[in-house]
């Protein structure tokens, strides 16, 4: 199962996330759940940096299935929108009958 934790500050603004674990929906290289989460997560990190100019700290580990992305700067309306789009995609998968046993989505105030 892939665990996705969204980190929010006291103002409920998204300041980063961690996705860890392999979904085990299918064999490695054919797992569309892992692929979808990876694309959403990596694209969000890239979009935050390239489209908003906000620096992020990015840590990955393919063996662990880890993607950890944290804002280095204060969140903005733009970064919030990009994170919200990613959360929408992950939440849609986590609530889907076919995929919900492979994804856990949680929120944590930091």
PDB file of N, CA and C in Angstrom:
ATOM      1  N   UNK A   1       0.841  -1.182   0.000  1.00  0.00           N
ATOM      2  CA  UNK A   1       0.000   0.000   0.000  1.00  0.00           C
ATOM      3  C   UNK A   1       0.884   1.242   0.000  1.00  0.00           C
ATOM      4  N   UNK A   2       0.438   2.247  -0.714  1.00  0.00           N
ATOM      5  CA  UNK A   2       1.113   3.538  -0.716  1.00  0.00           C
ATOM      6  C   UNK A   2       0.423   4.453   0.282  1.00  0.00           C
ATOM      7  N   UNK A   3       1.211   5.035   1.177  1.00  0.00           N
ATOM      8  CA  UNK A   3       0.694   5.977   2.161  1.00  0.00           C
ATOM      9  C   UNK A   3       1.093   7.380   1.714  1.00  0.00           C
ATOM     10  N   UNK A   4       0.120   8.244   1.560  1.00  0.00           N
ATOM     11  CA  UNK A   4       0.370   9.633   1.181  1.00  0.00           C
ATOM     12  C   UNK A   4      -0.065  10.507   2.346  1.00  0.00           C
ATOM     13  N   UNK A   5       0.879  11.276   2.862  1.00  0.00           N
ATOM     14  CA  UNK A   5       0.585  12.209   3.949  1.00  0.00           C
ATOM     15  C   UNK A   5       0.778  13.621   3.432  1.00  0.00           C
ATOM     16  N   UNK A   6      -0.234  14.430   3.574  1.00  0.00           N
ATOM     17  CA  UNK A   6      -0.197  15.830   3.174  1.00  0.00           C
ATOM     18  C   UNK A   6       0.083  16.648   4.425  1.00  0.00           C
ATOM     19  N   UNK A   7       1.100  17.508   4.357  1.00  0.00           N
ATOM     20  CA  UNK A   7       1.469  18.339   5.498  1.00  0.00           C
ATOM     21  C   UNK A   7       0.900  19.732   5.325  1.00  0.00           C
ATOM     22  N   UNK A   8       0.239  20.200   6.384  1.00  0.00           N
ATOM     23  CA  UNK A   8      -0.357  21.539   6.378  1.00  0.00           C
ATOM     24  C   UNK A   8       0.124  22.314   7.589  1.00  0.00           C
ATOM     25  N   UNK A   9       0.214  23.632   7.414  1.00  0.00           N
ATOM     26  CA  UNK A   9       0.578  24.491   8.546  1.00  0.00           C
ATOM     27  C   UNK A   9      -0.685  24.829   9.346  1.00  0.00           C
ATOM     28  N   UNK A  10      -0.532  25.669  10.342  1.00  0.00           N
ATOM     29  CA  UNK A  10      -1.667  26.039  11.205  1.00  0.00           C
ATOM     30  C   UNK A  10      -2.784  26.736  10.452  1.00  0.00           C
ATOM     31  N   UNK A  11      -2.420  27.387   9.369  1.00  0.00           N
ATOM     32  CA  UNK A  11      -3.420  28.091   8.560  1.00  0.00           C
ATOM     33  C   UNK A  11      -4.083  27.157   7.547  1.00  0.00           C
ATOM     34  N   UNK A  12      -3.771  25.860   7.641  1.00  0.00           N
ATOM     35  CA  UNK A  12      -4.315  24.820   6.759  1.00  0.00           C
ATOM     36  C   UNK A  12      -3.772  24.915   5.335  1.00  0.00           C
ATOM     37  N   UNK A  13      -2.642  25.610   5.159  1.00  0.00           N
ATOM     38  CA  UNK A  13      -2.011  25.697   3.844  1.00  0.00           C
ATOM     39  C   UNK A  13      -1.094  24.494   3.660  1.00  0.00           C
ATOM     40  N   UNK A  14      -1.138  23.916   2.477  1.00  0.00           N
ATOM     41  CA  UNK A  14      -0.287  22.768   2.189  1.00  0.00           C
ATOM     42  C   UNK A  14       1.159  23.235   2.058  1.00  0.00           C
ATOM     43  N   UNK A  15       2.049  22.529   2.780  1.00  0.00           N
ATOM     44  CA  UNK A  15       3.465  22.886   2.721  1.00  0.00           C
ATOM     45  C   UNK A  15       4.332  21.712   2.251  1.00  0.00           C
ATOM     46  N   UNK A  16       3.685  20.599   1.902  1.00  0.00           N
ATOM     47  CA  UNK A  16       4.434  19.469   1.377  1.00  0.00           C
ATOM     48  C   UNK A  16       3.688  18.162   1.550  1.00  0.00           C
ATOM     49  N   UNK A  17       4.367  17.084   1.187  1.00  0.00           N
ATOM     50  CA  UNK A  17       3.760  15.759   1.288  1.00  0.00           C
ATOM     51  C   UNK A  17       4.841  14.687   1.275  1.00  0.00           C
ATOM     52  N   UNK A  18       4.456  13.511   1.732  1.00  0.00           N
ATOM     53  CA  UNK A  18       5.272  12.318   1.623  1.00  0.00           C
ATOM     54  C   UNK A  18       4.404  11.212   1.042  1.00  0.00           C
ATOM     55  N   UNK A  19       4.913  10.541   0.039  1.00  0.00           N
ATOM     56  CA  UNK A  19       4.292   9.326  -0.487  1.00  0.00           C
ATOM     57  C   UNK A  19       5.321   8.218  -0.292  1.00  0.00           C
ATOM     58  N   UNK A  20       4.916   7.158   0.374  1.00  0.00           N
ATOM     59  CA  UNK A  20       5.861   6.074   0.644  1.00  0.00           C
ATOM     60  C   UNK A  20       5.168   4.718   0.526  1.00  0.00           C
ATOM     61  N   UNK A  21       5.903   3.770  -0.011  1.00  0.00           N
ATOM     62  CA  UNK A  21       5.409   2.407  -0.153  1.00  0.00           C
ATOM     63  C   UNK A  21       4.941   2.137  -1.565  1.00  0.00           C
ATOM     64  N   UNK A  22       5.059   0.901  -1.935  1.00  0.00           N
ATOM     65  CA  UNK A  22       4.588   0.478  -3.255  1.00  0.00           C
ATOM     66  C   UNK A  22       3.149  -0.008  -3.120  1.00  0.00           C
ATOM     67  N   UNK A  23       2.332   0.349  -4.067  1.00  0.00           N
ATOM     68  CA  UNK A  23       0.909   0.016  -3.989  1.00  0.00           C
ATOM     69  C   UNK A  23       0.664  -1.489  -4.053  1.00  0.00           C
ATOM     70  N   UNK A  24       1.488  -2.208  -4.787  1.00  0.00           N
ATOM     71  CA  UNK A  24       1.314  -3.655  -4.994  1.00  0.00           C
ATOM     72  C   UNK A  24       0.002  -3.984  -5.687  1.00  0.00           C
ATOM     73  N   UNK A  25      -0.440  -3.086  -6.535  1.00  0.00           N
ATOM     74  CA  UNK A  25      -1.632  -3.331  -7.357  1.00  0.00           C
ATOM     75  C   UNK A  25      -1.306  -4.337  -8.448  1.00  0.00           C
ATOM     76  N   UNK A  26      -0.078  -4.256  -8.958  1.00  0.00           N
ATOM     77  CA  UNK A  26       0.391  -5.168 -10.013  1.00  0.00           C
ATOM     78  C   UNK A  26       1.900  -5.309  -9.848  1.00  0.00           C
ATOM     79  N   UNK A  27       2.502  -6.104 -10.703  1.00  0.00           N
ATOM     80  CA  UNK A  27       3.950  -6.307 -10.639  1.00  0.00           C
ATOM     81  C   UNK A  27       4.687  -5.011 -10.955  1.00  0.00           C
ATOM     82  N   UNK A  28       5.904  -4.912 -10.439  1.00  0.00           N
ATOM     83  CA  UNK A  28       6.741  -3.745 -10.697  1.00  0.00           C
ATOM     84  C   UNK A  28       6.863  -3.513 -12.201  1.00  0.00           C
ATOM     85  N   UNK A  29       6.706  -2.267 -12.595  1.00  0.00           N
ATOM     86  CA  UNK A  29       6.744  -1.918 -14.010  1.00  0.00           C
ATOM     87  C   UNK A  29       5.393  -1.948 -14.683  1.00  0.00           C
ATOM     88  N   UNK A  30       4.403  -2.552 -14.013  1.00  0.00           N
ATOM     89  CA  UNK A  30       3.051  -2.640 -14.571  1.00  0.00           C
ATOM     90  C   UNK A  30       2.005  -2.088 -13.612  1.00  0.00           C
ATOM     91  N   UNK A  31       2.464  -1.533 -12.494  1.00  0.00           N
ATOM     92  CA  UNK A  31       1.566  -1.075 -11.445  1.00  0.00           C
ATOM     93  C   UNK A  31       1.063   0.334 -11.756  1.00  0.00           C
ATOM     94  N   UNK A  32      -0.156   0.414 -12.269  1.00  0.00           N
ATOM     95  CA  UNK A  32      -0.691   1.718 -12.675  1.00  0.00           C
ATOM     96  C   UNK A  32      -1.010   2.612 -11.495  1.00  0.00           C
ATOM     97  N   UNK A  33      -1.269   2.044 -10.309  1.00  0.00           N
ATOM     98  CA  UNK A  33      -1.532   2.862  -9.129  1.00  0.00           C
ATOM     99  C   UNK A  33      -0.242   3.572  -8.709  1.00  0.00           C
ATOM    100  N   UNK A  34       0.858   2.820  -8.627  1.00  0.00           N
ATOM    101  CA  UNK A  34       2.157   3.435  -8.301  1.00  0.00           C
ATOM    102  C   UNK A  34       2.533   4.481  -9.345  1.00  0.00           C
ATOM    103  N   UNK A  35       2.331   4.145 -10.600  1.00  0.00           N
ATOM    104  CA  UNK A  35       2.677   5.075 -11.675  1.00  0.00           C
ATOM    105  C   UNK A  35       1.869   6.358 -11.574  1.00  0.00           C
ATOM    106  N   UNK A  36       0.581   6.242 -11.299  1.00  0.00           N
ATOM    107  CA  UNK A  36      -0.279   7.426 -11.210  1.00  0.00           C
ATOM    108  C   UNK A  36       0.128   8.318 -10.042  1.00  0.00           C
ATOM    109  N   UNK A  37       0.378   7.705  -8.888  1.00  0.00           N
ATOM    110  CA  UNK A  37       0.796   8.491  -7.722  1.00  0.00           C
ATOM    111  C   UNK A  37       2.132   9.165  -8.001  1.00  0.00           C
ATOM    112  N   UNK A  38       3.056   8.441  -8.601  1.00  0.00           N
ATOM    113  CA  UNK A  38       4.373   8.997  -8.926  1.00  0.00           C
ATOM    114  C   UNK A  38       4.264  10.182  -9.869  1.00  0.00           C
ATOM    115  N   UNK A  39       3.458  10.058 -10.892  1.00  0.00           N
ATOM    116  CA  UNK A  39       3.295  11.148 -11.860  1.00  0.00           C
ATOM    117  C   UNK A  39       2.675  12.367 -11.185  1.00  0.00           C
ATOM    118  N   UNK A  40       1.631  12.156 -10.401  1.00  0.00           N
ATOM    119  CA  UNK A  40       1.002  13.283  -9.705  1.00  0.00           C
ATOM    120  C   UNK A  40       1.990  13.973  -8.766  1.00  0.00           C
ATOM    121  N   UNK A  41       2.727  13.186  -7.999  1.00  0.00           N
ATOM    122  CA  UNK A  41       3.651  13.743  -7.007  1.00  0.00           C
ATOM    123  C   UNK A  41       4.825  14.473  -7.656  1.00  0.00           C
ATOM    124  N   UNK A  42       5.481  13.822  -8.586  1.00  0.00           N
ATOM    125  CA  UNK A  42       6.658  14.426  -9.221  1.00  0.00           C
ATOM    126  C   UNK A  42       6.261  15.638 -10.057  1.00  0.00           C
ATOM    127  N   UNK A  43       5.153  15.541 -10.772  1.00  0.00           N
ATOM    128  CA  UNK A  43       4.709  16.679 -11.569  1.00  0.00           C
ATOM    129  C   UNK A  43       4.357  17.863 -10.679  1.00  0.00           C
ATOM    130  N   UNK A  44       3.772  17.606  -9.520  1.00  0.00           N
ATOM    131  CA  UNK A  44       3.445  18.694  -8.604  1.00  0.00           C
ATOM    132  C   UNK A  44       4.709  19.383  -8.117  1.00  0.00           C
ATOM    133  N   UNK A  45       5.709  18.600  -7.710  1.00  0.00           N
ATOM    134  CA  UNK A  45       6.983  19.200  -7.268  1.00  0.00           C
ATOM    135  C   UNK A  45       7.605  20.036  -8.378  1.00  0.00           C
ATOM    136  N   UNK A  46       7.642  19.486  -9.582  1.00  0.00           N
ATOM    137  CA  UNK A  46       8.213  20.218 -10.719  1.00  0.00           C
ATOM    138  C   UNK A  46       7.414  21.480 -11.026  1.00  0.00           C
ATOM    139  N   UNK A  47       6.095  21.372 -10.993  1.00  0.00           N
ATOM    140  CA  UNK A  47       5.244  22.525 -11.294  1.00  0.00           C
ATOM    141  C   UNK A  47       5.411  23.625 -10.248  1.00  0.00           C
ATOM    142  N   UNK A  48       5.489  23.235  -8.983  1.00  0.00           N
ATOM    143  CA  UNK A  48       5.682  24.235  -7.927  1.00  0.00           C
ATOM    144  C   UNK A  48       6.966  25.011  -8.184  1.00  0.00           C
ATOM    145  N   UNK A  49       8.043  24.311  -8.471  1.00  0.00           N
ATOM    146  CA  UNK A  49       9.321  24.993  -8.699  1.00  0.00           C
ATOM    147  C   UNK A  49       9.321  25.816  -9.990  1.00  0.00           C
ATOM    148  N   UNK A  50       8.887  25.208 -11.083  1.00  0.00           N
ATOM    149  CA  UNK A  50       9.015  25.863 -12.382  1.00  0.00           C
ATOM    150  C   UNK A  50       7.940  26.899 -12.670  1.00  0.00           C
ATOM    151  N   UNK A  51       6.743  26.688 -12.163  1.00  0.00           N
ATOM    152  CA  UNK A  51       5.652  27.621 -12.477  1.00  0.00           C
ATOM    153  C   UNK A  51       5.478  28.720 -11.437  1.00  0.00           C
ATOM    154  N   UNK A  52       5.906  28.452 -10.197  1.00  0.00           N
ATOM    155  CA  UNK A  52       5.738  29.472  -9.160  1.00  0.00           C
ATOM    156  C   UNK A  52       7.068  30.058  -8.706  1.00  0.00           C
ATOM    157  N   UNK A  53       8.166  29.386  -9.046  1.00  0.00           N
ATOM    158  CA  UNK A  53       9.473  29.846  -8.603  1.00  0.00           C
ATOM    159  C   UNK A  53       9.747  29.566  -7.130  1.00  0.00           C
ATOM    160  N   UNK A  54       8.915  28.754  -6.512  1.00  0.00           N
ATOM    161  CA  UNK A  54       9.081  28.393  -5.105  1.00  0.00           C
ATOM    162  C   UNK A  54       9.991  27.171  -5.011  1.00  0.00           C
ATOM    163  N   UNK A  55      11.033  27.280  -4.217  1.00  0.00           N
ATOM    164  CA  UNK A  55      11.972  26.171  -4.060  1.00  0.00           C
ATOM    165  C   UNK A  55      11.367  25.072  -3.191  1.00  0.00           C
ATOM    166  N   UNK A  56      11.691  23.824  -3.543  1.00  0.00           N
ATOM    167  CA  UNK A  56      11.253  22.677  -2.748  1.00  0.00           C
ATOM    168  C   UNK A  56      12.451  21.820  -2.372  1.00  0.00           C
ATOM    169  N   UNK A  57      12.284  21.087  -1.311  1.00  0.00           N
ATOM    170  CA  UNK A  57      13.230  20.042  -0.932  1.00  0.00           C
ATOM    171  C   UNK A  57      12.602  18.741  -1.410  1.00  0.00           C
ATOM    172  N   UNK A  58      13.321  17.979  -2.209  1.00  0.00           N
ATOM    173  CA  UNK A  58      12.787  16.740  -2.763  1.00  0.00           C
ATOM    174  C   UNK A  58      13.715  15.592  -2.414  1.00  0.00           C
ATOM    175  N   UNK A  59      13.156  14.565  -1.783  1.00  0.00           N
ATOM    176  CA  UNK A  59      13.894  13.347  -1.446  1.00  0.00           C
ATOM    177  C   UNK A  59      13.144  12.184  -2.064  1.00  0.00           C
ATOM    178  N   UNK A  60      13.870  11.324  -2.777  1.00  0.00           N
ATOM    179  CA  UNK A  60      13.250  10.139  -3.368  1.00  0.00           C
ATOM    180  C   UNK A  60      14.093   8.909  -3.063  1.00  0.00           C
ATOM    181  N   UNK A  61      13.432   7.771  -3.035  1.00  0.00           N
ATOM    182  CA  UNK A  61      14.103   6.492  -2.875  1.00  0.00           C
ATOM    183  C   UNK A  61      13.232   5.457  -3.572  1.00  0.00           C
ATOM    184  N   UNK A  62      13.689   4.994  -4.731  1.00  0.00           N
ATOM    185  CA  UNK A  62      12.880   4.100  -5.548  1.00  0.00           C
ATOM    186  C   UNK A  62      12.593   2.774  -4.840  1.00  0.00           C
ATOM    187  N   UNK A  63      13.580   2.241  -4.121  1.00  0.00           N
ATOM    188  CA  UNK A  63      13.382   0.970  -3.421  1.00  0.00           C
ATOM    189  C   UNK A  63      12.255   1.052  -2.406  1.00  0.00           C
ATOM    190  N   UNK A  64      12.201   2.151  -1.660  1.00  0.00           N
ATOM    191  CA  UNK A  64      11.165   2.340  -0.648  1.00  0.00           C
ATOM    192  C   UNK A  64       9.875   2.894  -1.235  1.00  0.00           C
ATOM    193  N   UNK A  65       9.924   3.335  -2.472  1.00  0.00           N
ATOM    194  CA  UNK A  65       8.767   3.991  -3.057  1.00  0.00           C
ATOM    195  C   UNK A  65       8.509   5.329  -2.397  1.00  0.00           C
ATOM    196  N   UNK A  66       9.601   6.064  -2.112  1.00  0.00           N
ATOM    197  CA  UNK A  66       9.502   7.320  -1.361  1.00  0.00           C
ATOM    198  C   UNK A  66       9.611   8.536  -2.261  1.00  0.00           C
ATOM    199  N   UNK A  67       8.676   9.446  -2.087  1.00  0.00           N
ATOM    200  CA  UNK A  67       8.759  10.796  -2.657  1.00  0.00           C
ATOM    201  C   UNK A  67       8.360  11.739  -1.528  1.00  0.00           C
ATOM    202  N   UNK A  68       9.296  12.566  -1.110  1.00  0.00           N
ATOM    203  CA  UNK A  68       9.035  13.532  -0.044  1.00  0.00           C
ATOM    204  C   UNK A  68       9.334  14.919  -0.600  1.00  0.00           C
ATOM    205  N   UNK A  69       8.336  15.770  -0.624  1.00  0.00           N
ATOM    206  CA  UNK A  69       8.459  17.111  -1.193  1.00  0.00           C
ATOM    207  C   UNK A  69       7.979  18.127  -0.158  1.00  0.00           C
ATOM    208  N   UNK A  70       8.841  19.086   0.162  1.00  0.00           N
ATOM    209  CA  UNK A  70       8.490  20.126   1.142  1.00  0.00           C
ATOM    210  C   UNK A  70       8.869  21.488   0.583  1.00  0.00           C
ATOM    211  N   UNK A  71       8.014  22.456   0.817  1.00  0.00           N
ATOM    212  CA  UNK A  71       8.319  23.820   0.401  1.00  0.00           C
ATOM    213  C   UNK A  71       9.469  24.363   1.236  1.00  0.00           C
ATOM    214  N   UNK A  72      10.400  25.044   0.587  1.00  0.00           N
ATOM    215  CA  UNK A  72      11.472  25.732   1.311  1.00  0.00           C
ATOM    216  C   UNK A  72      11.052  27.153   1.659  1.00  0.00           C
ATOM    217  N   UNK A  73      10.063  27.656   0.925  1.00  0.00           N
ATOM    218  CA  UNK A  73       9.557  29.015   1.131  1.00  0.00           C
ATOM    219  C   UNK A  73       8.124  28.945   1.642  1.00  0.00           C
ATOM    220  N   UNK A  74       7.587  30.075   1.986  1.00  0.00           N
ATOM    221  CA  UNK A  74       6.199  30.142   2.446  1.00  0.00           C
ATOM    222  C   UNK A  74       5.249  29.732   1.327  1.00  0.00           C
ATOM    223  N   UNK A  75       4.147  29.086   1.678  1.00  0.00           N
ATOM    224  CA  UNK A  75       3.163  28.712   0.659  1.00  0.00           C
ATOM    225  C   UNK A  75       2.488  29.949   0.082  1.00  0.00           C
ATOM    226  N   UNK A  76       2.054  29.809  -1.142  1.00  0.00           N
ATOM    227  CA  UNK A  76       1.341  30.896  -1.811  1.00  0.00           C
ATOM    228  C   UNK A  76       0.026  30.353  -2.358  1.00  0.00           C
ATOM    229  N   UNK A  77      -0.774  31.230  -2.884  1.00  0.00           N
ATOM    230  CA  UNK A  77      -2.032  30.802  -3.502  1.00  0.00           C
ATOM    231  C   UNK A  77      -1.743  29.859  -4.668  1.00  0.00           C
ATOM    232  N   UNK A  78      -0.683  30.150  -5.418  1.00  0.00           N
ATOM    233  CA  UNK A  78      -0.316  29.303  -6.558  1.00  0.00           C
ATOM    234  C   UNK A  78       0.135  27.913  -6.119  1.00  0.00           C
ATOM    235  N   UNK A  79       1.001  27.849  -5.102  1.00  0.00           N
ATOM    236  CA  UNK A  79       1.444  26.524  -4.643  1.00  0.00           C
ATOM    237  C   UNK A  79       0.263  25.756  -4.063  1.00  0.00           C
ATOM    238  N   UNK A  80      -0.627  26.461  -3.393  1.00  0.00           N
ATOM    239  CA  UNK A  80      -1.820  25.823  -2.845  1.00  0.00           C
ATOM    240  C   UNK A  80      -2.686  25.206  -3.923  1.00  0.00           C
ATOM    241  N   UNK A  81      -2.841  25.906  -5.022  1.00  0.00           N
ATOM    242  CA  UNK A  81      -3.642  25.388  -6.135  1.00  0.00           C
ATOM    243  C   UNK A  81      -3.004  24.139  -6.733  1.00  0.00           C
ATOM    244  N   UNK A  82      -1.691  24.159  -6.904  1.00  0.00           N
ATOM    245  CA  UNK A  82      -1.001  22.991  -7.465  1.00  0.00           C
ATOM    246  C   UNK A  82      -1.092  21.797  -6.527  1.00  0.00           C
ATOM    247  N   UNK A  83      -0.887  22.008  -5.229  1.00  0.00           N
ATOM    248  CA  UNK A  83      -1.028  20.917  -4.269  1.00  0.00           C
ATOM    249  C   UNK A  83      -2.475  20.413  -4.238  1.00  0.00           C
ATOM    250  N   UNK A  84      -3.435  21.319  -4.316  1.00  0.00           N
ATOM    251  CA  UNK A  84      -4.851  20.920  -4.316  1.00  0.00           C
ATOM    252  C   UNK A  84      -5.178  20.034  -5.508  1.00  0.00           C
ATOM    253  N   UNK A  85      -4.594  20.332  -6.657  1.00  0.00           N
ATOM    254  CA  UNK A  85      -4.819  19.507  -7.847  1.00  0.00           C
ATOM    255  C   UNK A  85      -4.263  18.100  -7.633  1.00  0.00           C
ATOM    256  N   UNK A  86      -3.079  18.009  -7.025  1.00  0.00           N
ATOM    257  CA  UNK A  86      -2.500  16.704  -6.745  1.00  0.00           C
ATOM    258  C   UNK A  86      -3.375  15.937  -5.756  1.00  0.00           C
ATOM    259  N   UNK A  87      -3.812  16.610  -4.699  1.00  0.00           N
ATOM    260  CA  UNK A  87      -4.657  15.970  -3.689  1.00  0.00           C
ATOM    261  C   UNK A  87      -5.954  15.474  -4.316  1.00  0.00           C
ATOM    262  N   UNK A  88      -6.533  16.246  -5.212  1.00  0.00           N
ATOM    263  CA  UNK A  88      -7.752  15.843  -5.908  1.00  0.00           C
ATOM    264  C   UNK A  88      -7.535  14.525  -6.650  1.00  0.00           C
ATOM    265  N   UNK A  89      -6.420  14.422  -7.361  1.00  0.00           N
ATOM    266  CA  UNK A  89      -6.123  13.195  -8.097  1.00  0.00           C
ATOM    267  C   UNK A  89      -5.911  12.006  -7.183  1.00  0.00           C
ATOM    268  N   UNK A  90      -5.153  12.201  -6.115  1.00  0.00           N
ATOM    269  CA  UNK A  90      -4.891  11.097  -5.185  1.00  0.00           C
ATOM    270  C   UNK A  90      -6.162  10.701  -4.446  1.00  0.00           C
ATOM    271  N   UNK A  91      -6.937  11.691  -4.016  1.00  0.00           N
ATOM    272  CA  UNK A  91      -8.201  11.398  -3.318  1.00  0.00           C
ATOM    273  C   UNK A  91      -9.163  10.636  -4.243  1.00  0.00           C
ATOM    274  N   UNK A  92      -9.208  11.007  -5.502  1.00  0.00           N
ATOM    275  CA  UNK A  92     -10.082  10.308  -6.456  1.00  0.00           C
ATOM    276  C   UNK A  92      -9.704   8.836  -6.556  1.00  0.00           C
ATOM    277  N   UNK A  93      -8.405   8.555  -6.582  1.00  0.00           N
ATOM    278  CA  UNK A  93      -7.953   7.165  -6.629  1.00  0.00           C
ATOM    279  C   UNK A  93      -8.234   6.456  -5.306  1.00  0.00           C
ATOM    280  N   UNK A  94      -7.990   7.130  -4.183  1.00  0.00           N
ATOM    281  CA  UNK A  94      -8.174   6.527  -2.863  1.00  0.00           C
ATOM    282  C   UNK A  94      -9.640   6.209  -2.581  1.00  0.00           C
ATOM    283  N   UNK A  95     -10.550   6.895  -3.231  1.00  0.00           N
ATOM    284  CA  UNK A  95     -11.981   6.661  -3.036  1.00  0.00           C
ATOM    285  C   UNK A  95     -12.575   5.742  -4.087  1.00  0.00           C
ATOM    286  N   UNK A  96     -11.797   5.376  -5.090  1.00  0.00           N
ATOM    287  CA  UNK A  96     -12.255   4.509  -6.170  1.00  0.00           C
ATOM    288  C   UNK A  96     -12.290   3.062  -5.677  1.00  0.00           C
ATOM    289  N   UNK A  97     -13.380   2.381  -5.925  1.00  0.00           N
ATOM    290  CA  UNK A  97     -13.549   0.992  -5.476  1.00  0.00           C
ATOM    291  C   UNK A  97     -12.415   0.080  -5.937  1.00  0.00           C
ATOM    292  N   UNK A  98     -11.888   0.312  -7.127  1.00  0.00           N
ATOM    293  CA  UNK A  98     -10.843  -0.560  -7.677  1.00  0.00           C
ATOM    294  C   UNK A  98      -9.475  -0.317  -7.055  1.00  0.00           C
ATOM    295  N   UNK A  99      -9.243   0.863  -6.478  1.00  0.00           N
ATOM    296  CA  UNK A  99      -7.902   1.220  -6.025  1.00  0.00           C
ATOM    297  C   UNK A  99      -7.792   1.541  -4.537  1.00  0.00           C
ATOM    298  N   UNK A 100      -8.912   1.703  -3.847  1.00  0.00           N
ATOM    299  CA  UNK A 100      -8.865   2.233  -2.482  1.00  0.00           C
ATOM    300  C   UNK A 100      -8.093   1.362  -1.497  1.00  0.00           C
ATOM    301  N   UNK A 101      -7.966   0.075  -1.743  1.00  0.00           N
ATOM    302  CA  UNK A 101      -7.202  -0.763  -0.822  1.00  0.00           C
ATOM    303  C   UNK A 101      -5.689  -0.647  -1.043  1.00  0.00           C
ATOM    304  N   UNK A 102      -5.288   0.134  -2.035  1.00  0.00           N
ATOM    305  CA  UNK A 102      -3.870   0.285  -2.362  1.00  0.00           C
ATOM    306  C   UNK A 102      -3.309   1.658  -1.993  1.00  0.00           C
ATOM    307  N   UNK A 103      -4.181   2.559  -1.533  1.00  0.00           N
ATOM    308  CA  UNK A 103      -3.772   3.934  -1.237  1.00  0.00           C
ATOM    309  C   UNK A 103      -4.388   4.384   0.085  1.00  0.00           C
ATOM    310  N   UNK A 104      -3.567   4.988   0.922  1.00  0.00           N
ATOM    311  CA  UNK A 104      -4.054   5.607   2.149  1.00  0.00           C
ATOM    312  C   UNK A 104      -3.666   7.071   2.109  1.00  0.00           C
ATOM    313  N   UNK A 105      -4.630   7.965   2.246  1.00  0.00           N
ATOM    314  CA  UNK A 105      -4.402   9.402   2.219  1.00  0.00           C
ATOM    315  C   UNK A 105      -4.703   9.979   3.596  1.00  0.00           C
ATOM    316  N   UNK A 106      -3.750  10.740   4.137  1.00  0.00           N
ATOM    317  CA  UNK A 106      -3.975  11.373   5.428  1.00  0.00           C
ATOM    318  C   UNK A 106      -3.407  12.795   5.424  1.00  0.00           C
ATOM    319  N   UNK A 107      -3.832  13.575   6.399  1.00  0.00           N
ATOM    320  CA  UNK A 107      -3.408  14.961   6.524  1.00  0.00           C
ATOM    321  C   UNK A 107      -2.823  15.162   7.914  1.00  0.00           C
ATOM    322  N   UNK A 108      -1.760  15.947   7.981  1.00  0.00           N
ATOM    323  CA  UNK A 108      -1.087  16.171   9.256  1.00  0.00           C
ATOM    324  C   UNK A 108      -0.702  17.640   9.388  1.00  0.00           C
ATOM    325  N   UNK A 109      -1.009  18.220  10.540  1.00  0.00           N
ATOM    326  CA  UNK A 109      -0.589  19.598  10.799  1.00  0.00           C
ATOM    327  C   UNK A 109       0.826  19.576  11.350  1.00  0.00           C
ATOM    328  N   UNK A 110       1.684  20.394  10.746  1.00  0.00           N
ATOM    329  CA  UNK A 110       3.080  20.479  11.205  1.00  0.00           C
ATOM    330  C   UNK A 110       3.455  21.908  11.497  1.00  0.00           C
TER     331      UNK A 110
END
